[in-house]
Amino acid sequence: MPGLSQSELNSIREIVSSHQTVANKLSDYANQCQDSNIKQMFSKAAQDATKSAQNLIQML
């Protein structure tokens, strides 16, 4: 993404960091779950958050 200001880049970095934090928390929640359906839901949400972070990084 050429032409982004430093402020915009910093905002994107914060968003990426937030997605990574959420992904880690969701993975932890999934590891603590006994119910397989809820565990799967948390795992999928963690994967989605990780993918979103990766997509943002790739666009830079």
Protein backbone atom coordinates (compact mmCIF):
# COMPACT_ATOMS: atom_id res chain seq x y z
CA MET A 1 0.00 0.00 0.00
CA PRO A 2 2.16 2.84 -1.19
CA GLY A 3 1.40 6.35 -0.13
CA LEU A 4 0.34 5.61 3.44
CA SER A 5 1.30 8.12 6.07
CA GLN A 6 3.21 7.13 9.18
CA SER A 7 0.04 7.60 11.21
CA GLU A 8 -1.88 5.23 8.94
CA LEU A 9 0.91 2.63 9.14
CA ASN A 10 0.91 2.89 12.92
CA SER A 11 -2.85 2.38 12.97
CA ILE A 12 -2.53 -0.72 10.81
CA ARG A 13 0.21 -2.06 13.08
CA GLU A 14 -2.07 -1.59 16.08
CA ILE A 15 -4.90 -3.41 14.29
CA VAL A 16 -2.56 -6.29 13.37
CA SER A 17 -1.35 -6.48 16.95
CA SER A 18 -4.94 -6.51 18.22
CA HIS A 19 -5.88 -9.32 15.85
CA GLN A 20 -2.86 -11.33 17.00
CA THR A 21 -3.78 -10.78 20.65
CA VAL A 22 -7.36 -11.86 20.02
CA ALA A 23 -6.17 -14.95 18.14
CA ASN A 24 -3.95 -15.94 21.08
CA LYS A 25 -6.75 -15.46 23.58
CA LEU A 26 -9.22 -17.43 21.48
CA SER A 27 -6.71 -20.26 21.12
CA ASP A 28 -6.26 -20.31 24.89
CA TYR A 29 -10.03 -20.42 25.37
CA ALA A 30 -10.30 -23.27 22.87
CA ASN A 31 -7.62 -25.23 24.73
CA GLN A 32 -9.56 -24.87 27.98
CA CYS A 33 -12.92 -25.98 26.56
CA GLN A 34 -14.37 -29.38 27.25
CA ASP A 35 -17.29 -28.99 24.83
CA SER A 36 -16.13 -29.90 21.33
CA ASN A 37 -18.56 -27.52 19.59
CA ILE A 38 -17.43 -24.52 21.61
CA LYS A 39 -13.81 -25.57 21.24
CA GLN A 40 -14.26 -25.69 17.47
CA MET A 41 -15.94 -22.28 17.49
CA PHE A 42 -13.06 -20.69 19.40
CA SER A 43 -10.47 -22.41 17.19
CA LYS A 44 -12.16 -21.18 14.02
CA ALA A 45 -12.39 -17.64 15.38
CA ALA A 46 -8.69 -17.76 16.29
CA GLN A 47 -7.80 -18.92 12.78
CA ASP A 48 -9.91 -16.13 11.27
CA ALA A 49 -8.21 -13.49 13.45
CA THR A 50 -4.77 -14.83 12.49
CA LYS A 51 -5.70 -14.81 8.81
CA SER A 52 -6.95 -11.22 9.05
CA ALA A 53 -3.68 -10.13 10.64
CA GLN A 54 -1.68 -11.94 7.95
CA ASN A 55 -3.77 -10.38 5.17
CA LEU A 56 -3.15 -6.89 6.55
CA ILE A 57 0.59 -7.56 6.78
CA GLN A 58 0.69 -8.84 3.20
CA MET A 59 -1.06 -5.73 1.90
CA LEU A 60 1.66 -3.49 3.31
